[in-house]
Amino acid sequence: MKNDQQGFTLIEVMIVVVIVGILSAIAYPAYEEHVRKGNRAEARAVLLNSAQALERYYSINGTYLDGGSLAKVYPDDISSGSKVRYSLGVTTETADSYVLNATGEGNMASDDCGTYSINHTGVLSSTSTAAKCL
């Protein structure tokens, strides 16, 4: 008598499901942190580009922009499609100084690094003291 077995047994399928579940439980948090790390790097890059734009404006006009004029120099938010990840803002302390802020929005609002800032001297800082933030 010939006994040809075709397909998988229920036990084999369940073992595969368990293995996939374990791998995804390990991989998904690492993937999320990798995405957050990329978003943080983008926020720092946009802050640096905005600071450069303000410095160019200062070298031509002799004063920095106020908060309402930053959009003329650089976009107000850091977004991907319709999802805003960081909102940019500028605080003009005097005609000769400023502080640019990138505040997390959406899923980045709960990020460990909080708000990024850069001032007129080029010092980049974060509201968090974690080493991964800068």
N, C-alpha and C. Protein backbone atom coordinates (compact mmCIF):
# COMPACT_ATOMS: atom_id res chain seq x y z
N MET A 1 0.83 -1.17 0.00
CA MET A 1 0.00 0.00 0.00
C MET A 1 0.89 1.24 0.00
N LYS A 2 0.56 2.16 -0.90
CA LYS A 2 1.34 3.37 -1.07
C LYS A 2 0.69 4.50 -0.27
N ASN A 3 1.50 5.14 0.57
CA ASN A 3 0.98 6.22 1.43
C ASN A 3 1.70 7.51 1.06
N ASP A 4 1.19 8.24 0.06
CA ASP A 4 1.79 9.51 -0.34
C ASP A 4 1.21 10.63 0.50
N GLN A 5 2.09 11.33 1.16
CA GLN A 5 1.65 12.46 1.98
C GLN A 5 1.83 13.75 1.19
N GLN A 6 0.77 14.51 1.07
CA GLN A 6 0.84 15.79 0.37
C GLN A 6 0.46 16.89 1.33
N GLY A 7 1.20 18.02 1.25
CA GLY A 7 0.88 19.16 2.11
C GLY A 7 1.61 19.09 3.44
N PHE A 8 1.23 19.99 4.32
CA PHE A 8 1.86 20.10 5.63
C PHE A 8 0.87 19.67 6.71
N THR A 9 1.41 19.17 7.80
CA THR A 9 0.55 18.84 8.94
C THR A 9 0.27 20.11 9.73
N LEU A 10 -0.73 20.05 10.57
CA LEU A 10 -1.09 21.20 11.39
C LEU A 10 0.06 21.59 12.32
N ILE A 11 0.77 20.62 12.83
CA ILE A 11 1.90 20.89 13.72
C ILE A 11 2.99 21.66 12.98
N GLU A 12 3.30 21.26 11.75
CA GLU A 12 4.33 21.95 10.98
C GLU A 12 3.93 23.40 10.70
N VAL A 13 2.68 23.62 10.36
CA VAL A 13 2.20 24.98 10.10
C VAL A 13 2.26 25.82 11.38
N MET A 14 1.88 25.26 12.50
CA MET A 14 1.91 26.00 13.77
C MET A 14 3.35 26.34 14.18
N ILE A 15 4.28 25.45 13.91
CA ILE A 15 5.69 25.73 14.22
C ILE A 15 6.17 26.92 13.39
N VAL A 16 5.82 26.95 12.12
CA VAL A 16 6.21 28.06 11.26
C VAL A 16 5.58 29.36 11.75
N VAL A 17 4.31 29.33 12.15
CA VAL A 17 3.63 30.52 12.65
C VAL A 17 4.31 31.04 13.91
N VAL A 18 4.69 30.15 14.81
CA VAL A 18 5.38 30.55 16.04
C VAL A 18 6.74 31.17 15.72
N ILE A 19 7.48 30.57 14.81
CA ILE A 19 8.79 31.11 14.45
C ILE A 19 8.65 32.50 13.82
N VAL A 20 7.69 32.67 12.93
CA VAL A 20 7.46 33.98 12.31
C VAL A 20 7.04 35.00 13.36
N GLY A 21 6.21 34.60 14.32
CA GLY A 21 5.79 35.49 15.39
C GLY A 21 6.96 35.95 16.25
N ILE A 22 7.84 35.03 16.58
CA ILE A 22 9.01 35.38 17.39
C ILE A 22 9.94 36.33 16.63
N LEU A 23 10.18 36.03 15.37
CA LEU A 23 11.05 36.90 14.57
C LEU A 23 10.46 38.29 14.41
N SER A 24 9.16 38.38 14.19
CA SER A 24 8.55 39.70 14.02
C SER A 24 8.51 40.47 15.34
N ALA A 25 8.37 39.78 16.46
CA ALA A 25 8.39 40.44 17.76
C ALA A 25 9.76 41.05 18.05
N ILE A 26 10.79 40.47 17.51
CA ILE A 26 12.14 41.00 17.68
C ILE A 26 12.44 42.08 16.64
N ALA A 27 12.04 41.86 15.41
CA ALA A 27 12.41 42.75 14.31
C ALA A 27 11.61 44.05 14.28
N TYR A 28 10.34 44.04 14.61
CA TYR A 28 9.51 45.24 14.46
C TYR A 28 9.97 46.40 15.36
N PRO A 29 10.27 46.18 16.64
CA PRO A 29 10.78 47.30 17.45
C PRO A 29 12.11 47.85 16.91
N ALA A 30 12.96 46.99 16.40
CA ALA A 30 14.22 47.46 15.82
C ALA A 30 13.95 48.30 14.58
N TYR A 31 12.98 47.89 13.78
CA TYR A 31 12.60 48.65 12.59
C TYR A 31 12.05 50.02 12.98
N GLU A 32 11.17 50.06 13.98
CA GLU A 32 10.60 51.34 14.43
C GLU A 32 11.69 52.29 14.90
N GLU A 33 12.66 51.79 15.66
CA GLU A 33 13.75 52.64 16.14
C GLU A 33 14.60 53.13 14.98
N HIS A 34 14.79 52.29 13.99
CA HIS A 34 15.55 52.71 12.81
C HIS A 34 14.83 53.84 12.07
N VAL A 35 13.52 53.77 11.95
CA VAL A 35 12.74 54.83 11.31
C VAL A 35 12.82 56.11 12.12
N ARG A 36 12.70 56.01 13.45
CA ARG A 36 12.82 57.20 14.31
C ARG A 36 14.20 57.83 14.17
N LYS A 37 15.22 57.00 14.10
CA LYS A 37 16.59 57.51 13.96
C LYS A 37 16.73 58.28 12.65
N GLY A 38 16.14 57.78 11.58
CA GLY A 38 16.16 58.49 10.30
C GLY A 38 15.41 59.80 10.37
N ASN A 39 14.27 59.81 11.06
CA ASN A 39 13.49 61.05 11.22
C ASN A 39 14.27 62.08 12.03
N ARG A 40 14.98 61.63 13.07
CA ARG A 40 15.80 62.54 13.87
C ARG A 40 16.91 63.16 13.02
N ALA A 41 17.56 62.33 12.21
CA ALA A 41 18.63 62.83 11.35
C ALA A 41 18.08 63.86 10.36
N GLU A 42 16.89 63.60 9.83
CA GLU A 42 16.27 64.55 8.90
C GLU A 42 15.96 65.87 9.61
N ALA A 43 15.49 65.80 10.84
CA ALA A 43 15.19 67.02 11.60
C ALA A 43 16.46 67.84 11.83
N ARG A 44 17.54 67.18 12.20
CA ARG A 44 18.80 67.90 12.41
C ARG A 44 19.30 68.52 11.11
N ALA A 45 19.17 67.80 10.00
CA ALA A 45 19.61 68.32 8.70
C ALA A 45 18.79 69.54 8.29
N VAL A 46 17.48 69.49 8.50
CA VAL A 46 16.63 70.63 8.14
C VAL A 46 16.95 71.82 9.04
N LEU A 47 17.23 71.58 10.31
CA LEU A 47 17.63 72.69 11.19
C LEU A 47 18.91 73.34 10.69
N LEU A 48 19.88 72.54 10.31
CA LEU A 48 21.14 73.09 9.79
C LEU A 48 20.92 73.86 8.50
N ASN A 49 20.09 73.33 7.60
CA ASN A 49 19.80 74.04 6.35
C ASN A 49 19.05 75.35 6.60
N SER A 50 18.12 75.32 7.55
CA SER A 50 17.40 76.55 7.89
C SER A 50 18.34 77.58 8.51
N ALA A 51 19.26 77.11 9.36
CA ALA A 51 20.23 78.03 9.96
C ALA A 51 21.12 78.65 8.87
N GLN A 52 21.51 77.85 7.89
CA GLN A 52 22.31 78.40 6.79
C GLN A 52 21.52 79.45 6.02
N ALA A 53 20.23 79.19 5.79
CA ALA A 53 19.40 80.16 5.08
C ALA A 53 19.28 81.46 5.87
N LEU A 54 19.13 81.34 7.20
CA LEU A 54 19.05 82.54 8.03
C LEU A 54 20.37 83.31 8.01
N GLU A 55 21.48 82.59 8.01
CA GLU A 55 22.79 83.25 7.95
C GLU A 55 22.97 83.98 6.62
N ARG A 56 22.52 83.37 5.53
CA ARG A 56 22.59 84.06 4.23
C ARG A 56 21.74 85.33 4.26
N TYR A 57 20.53 85.23 4.83
CA TYR A 57 19.65 86.39 4.94
C TYR A 57 20.31 87.48 5.78
N TYR A 58 20.95 87.07 6.89
CA TYR A 58 21.62 88.02 7.78
C TYR A 58 22.78 88.72 7.06
N SER A 59 23.53 87.97 6.27
CA SER A 59 24.68 88.59 5.58
C SER A 59 24.23 89.62 4.55
N ILE A 60 23.03 89.46 4.01
CA ILE A 60 22.51 90.42 3.02
C ILE A 60 21.81 91.59 3.70
N ASN A 61 20.99 91.30 4.74
CA ASN A 61 20.11 92.31 5.33
C ASN A 61 20.57 92.87 6.67
N GLY A 62 21.54 92.23 7.30
CA GLY A 62 22.04 92.72 8.58
C GLY A 62 21.16 92.40 9.77
N THR A 63 20.15 91.57 9.59
CA THR A 63 19.27 91.15 10.69
C THR A 63 18.71 89.77 10.36
N TYR A 64 18.32 89.04 11.42
CA TYR A 64 17.70 87.73 11.21
C TYR A 64 16.20 87.90 10.99
N LEU A 65 15.59 86.87 10.44
CA LEU A 65 14.15 86.87 10.20
C LEU A 65 13.38 86.71 11.50
N ASP A 66 12.14 87.19 11.52
CA ASP A 66 11.26 86.88 12.65
C ASP A 66 10.53 85.57 12.34
N GLY A 67 9.80 85.05 13.31
CA GLY A 67 9.14 83.75 13.16
C GLY A 67 8.19 83.67 11.99
N GLY A 68 7.52 84.75 11.65
CA GLY A 68 6.57 84.72 10.56
C GLY A 68 7.21 84.68 9.18
N SER A 69 8.49 84.99 9.10
CA SER A 69 9.16 85.07 7.80
C SER A 69 10.00 83.85 7.47
N LEU A 70 10.10 82.89 8.38
CA LEU A 70 10.93 81.72 8.13
C LEU A 70 10.44 80.93 6.92
N ALA A 71 9.14 80.92 6.68
CA ALA A 71 8.59 80.17 5.55
C ALA A 71 9.12 80.69 4.21
N LYS A 72 9.52 81.94 4.16
CA LYS A 72 10.10 82.49 2.93
C LYS A 72 11.45 81.83 2.63
N VAL A 73 12.14 81.44 3.68
CA VAL A 73 13.48 80.89 3.54
C VAL A 73 13.46 79.37 3.48
N TYR A 74 12.62 78.75 4.31
CA TYR A 74 12.60 77.30 4.40
C TYR A 74 11.21 76.84 4.81
N PRO A 75 10.77 75.62 4.44
CA PRO A 75 9.42 75.16 4.78
C PRO A 75 9.21 75.05 6.29
N ASP A 76 7.95 75.12 6.70
CA ASP A 76 7.61 75.13 8.13
C ASP A 76 7.66 73.77 8.80
N ASP A 77 7.64 72.69 8.05
CA ASP A 77 7.61 71.38 8.68
C ASP A 77 8.44 70.39 7.89
N ILE A 78 8.75 69.32 8.56
CA ILE A 78 9.49 68.23 7.95
C ILE A 78 8.49 67.11 7.77
N SER A 79 8.15 66.82 6.53
CA SER A 79 7.07 65.87 6.31
C SER A 79 7.42 64.88 5.22
N SER A 80 6.68 63.79 5.23
CA SER A 80 6.77 62.79 4.18
C SER A 80 5.36 62.57 3.68
N GLY A 81 5.06 63.09 2.52
CA GLY A 81 3.70 63.02 2.03
C GLY A 81 2.81 63.91 2.87
N SER A 82 1.78 63.33 3.47
CA SER A 82 0.87 64.13 4.29
C SER A 82 1.16 63.99 5.78
N LYS A 83 2.20 63.25 6.14
CA LYS A 83 2.52 63.04 7.56
C LYS A 83 3.60 64.01 8.01
N VAL A 84 3.25 64.91 8.89
CA VAL A 84 4.23 65.86 9.44
C VAL A 84 4.95 65.18 10.59
N ARG A 85 6.28 65.18 10.55
CA ARG A 85 7.06 64.55 11.61
C ARG A 85 7.64 65.56 12.58
N TYR A 86 8.04 66.72 12.11
CA TYR A 86 8.57 67.79 12.95
C TYR A 86 8.02 69.11 12.46
N SER A 87 7.77 70.00 13.40
CA SER A 87 7.32 71.35 13.07
C SER A 87 8.45 72.32 13.40
N LEU A 88 8.80 73.16 12.45
CA LEU A 88 9.89 74.12 12.65
C LEU A 88 9.36 75.43 13.19
N GLY A 89 10.14 76.03 14.07
CA GLY A 89 9.80 77.35 14.60
C GLY A 89 11.08 78.12 14.85
N VAL A 90 10.98 79.44 14.84
CA VAL A 90 12.15 80.28 15.10
C VAL A 90 11.80 81.28 16.18
N THR A 91 12.75 81.49 17.08
CA THR A 91 12.61 82.50 18.11
C THR A 91 13.71 83.52 17.88
N THR A 92 13.35 84.74 17.56
CA THR A 92 14.34 85.80 17.38
C THR A 92 14.50 86.52 18.71
N GLU A 93 15.64 86.32 19.35
CA GLU A 93 15.87 86.95 20.64
C GLU A 93 16.26 88.41 20.47
N THR A 94 17.13 88.68 19.52
CA THR A 94 17.52 90.05 19.18
C THR A 94 17.70 90.08 17.67
N ALA A 95 18.11 91.22 17.17
CA ALA A 95 18.38 91.32 15.73
C ALA A 95 19.61 90.52 15.34
N ASP A 96 20.42 90.14 16.34
CA ASP A 96 21.67 89.44 16.06
C ASP A 96 21.69 88.00 16.55
N SER A 97 20.56 87.44 16.96
CA SER A 97 20.56 86.06 17.42
C SER A 97 19.20 85.41 17.15
N TYR A 98 19.20 84.10 17.14
CA TYR A 98 17.97 83.34 16.94
C TYR A 98 18.13 81.96 17.55
N VAL A 99 17.02 81.28 17.73
CA VAL A 99 17.00 79.87 18.11
C VAL A 99 15.95 79.20 17.23
N LEU A 100 16.38 78.21 16.45
CA LEU A 100 15.47 77.42 15.63
C LEU A 100 15.10 76.16 16.40
N ASN A 101 13.83 75.78 16.37
CA ASN A 101 13.36 74.59 17.08
C ASN A 101 12.67 73.65 16.11
N ALA A 102 12.90 72.36 16.28
CA ALA A 102 12.18 71.31 15.55
C ALA A 102 11.46 70.48 16.61
N THR A 103 10.14 70.63 16.66
CA THR A 103 9.32 69.94 17.66
C THR A 103 8.63 68.75 17.02
N GLY A 104 8.72 67.60 17.66
CA GLY A 104 8.10 66.39 17.13
C GLY A 104 6.59 66.50 17.01
N GLU A 105 6.06 65.99 15.92
CA GLU A 105 4.62 65.96 15.67
C GLU A 105 4.23 64.52 15.34
N GLY A 106 2.97 64.21 15.52
CA GLY A 106 2.49 62.87 15.17
C GLY A 106 3.18 61.80 15.98
N ASN A 107 3.70 60.76 15.30
CA ASN A 107 4.36 59.68 16.02
C ASN A 107 5.72 60.08 16.59
N MET A 108 6.27 61.21 16.16
CA MET A 108 7.54 61.69 16.71
C MET A 108 7.35 62.55 17.95
N ALA A 109 6.10 62.88 18.30
CA ALA A 109 5.83 63.71 19.49
C ALA A 109 6.24 62.98 20.76
N SER A 110 6.15 61.66 20.75
CA SER A 110 6.51 60.87 21.94
C SER A 110 7.95 60.35 21.88
N ASP A 111 8.74 60.86 20.95
CA ASP A 111 10.12 60.40 20.80
C ASP A 111 10.94 60.79 22.02
N ASP A 112 11.89 59.95 22.37
CA ASP A 112 12.75 60.17 23.54
C ASP A 112 13.58 61.44 23.42
N CYS A 113 13.88 61.87 22.21
CA CYS A 113 14.78 63.01 22.02
C CYS A 113 14.09 64.36 22.16
N GLY A 114 12.78 64.40 22.13
CA GLY A 114 12.06 65.65 22.34
C GLY A 114 12.28 66.66 21.23
N THR A 115 12.57 67.90 21.61
CA THR A 115 12.72 69.01 20.67
C THR A 115 14.20 69.26 20.38
N TYR A 116 14.53 69.43 19.10
CA TYR A 116 15.88 69.82 18.69
C TYR A 116 15.93 71.33 18.54
N SER A 117 17.07 71.92 18.86
CA SER A 117 17.27 73.37 18.72
C SER A 117 18.66 73.65 18.17
N ILE A 118 18.76 74.75 17.43
CA ILE A 118 20.06 75.24 16.98
C ILE A 118 20.02 76.75 17.11
N ASN A 119 21.12 77.33 17.60
CA ASN A 119 21.14 78.78 17.78
C ASN A 119 22.05 79.44 16.75
N HIS A 120 22.19 80.75 16.85
CA HIS A 120 22.94 81.52 15.86
C HIS A 120 24.43 81.20 15.85
N THR A 121 24.92 80.56 16.91
CA THR A 121 26.34 80.17 16.93
C THR A 121 26.55 78.77 16.35
N GLY A 122 25.46 78.09 15.97
CA GLY A 122 25.56 76.76 15.38
C GLY A 122 25.52 75.62 16.37
N VAL A 123 25.19 75.90 17.64
CA VAL A 123 25.14 74.86 18.66
C VAL A 123 23.81 74.11 18.53
N LEU A 124 23.90 72.82 18.23
CA LEU A 124 22.73 71.95 18.11
C LEU A 124 22.50 71.26 19.44
N SER A 125 21.26 71.28 19.93
CA SER A 125 20.96 70.66 21.22
C SER A 125 19.61 69.96 21.15
N SER A 126 19.35 69.16 22.18
CA SER A 126 18.10 68.43 22.29
C SER A 126 17.60 68.57 23.72
N THR A 127 16.28 68.46 23.91
CA THR A 127 15.75 68.53 25.27
C THR A 127 16.07 67.27 26.05
N SER A 128 16.56 66.24 25.39
CA SER A 128 16.95 65.00 26.05
C SER A 128 18.47 64.97 26.20
N THR A 129 18.92 64.26 27.22
CA THR A 129 20.36 64.11 27.42
C THR A 129 20.88 62.77 26.89
N ALA A 130 20.01 61.99 26.25
CA ALA A 130 20.41 60.68 25.73
C ALA A 130 21.46 60.85 24.64
N ALA A 131 22.45 59.97 24.65
CA ALA A 131 23.54 60.05 23.68
C ALA A 131 23.05 59.80 22.25
N LYS A 132 21.98 59.02 22.09
CA LYS A 132 21.48 58.70 20.75
C LYS A 132 20.82 59.90 20.08
N CYS A 133 20.55 60.96 20.82
CA CYS A 133 19.81 62.10 20.28
C CYS A 133 20.69 63.05 19.48
N LEU A 134 21.96 63.09 19.73
CA LEU A 134 22.85 63.98 18.98
C LEU A 134 23.97 63.18 18.43
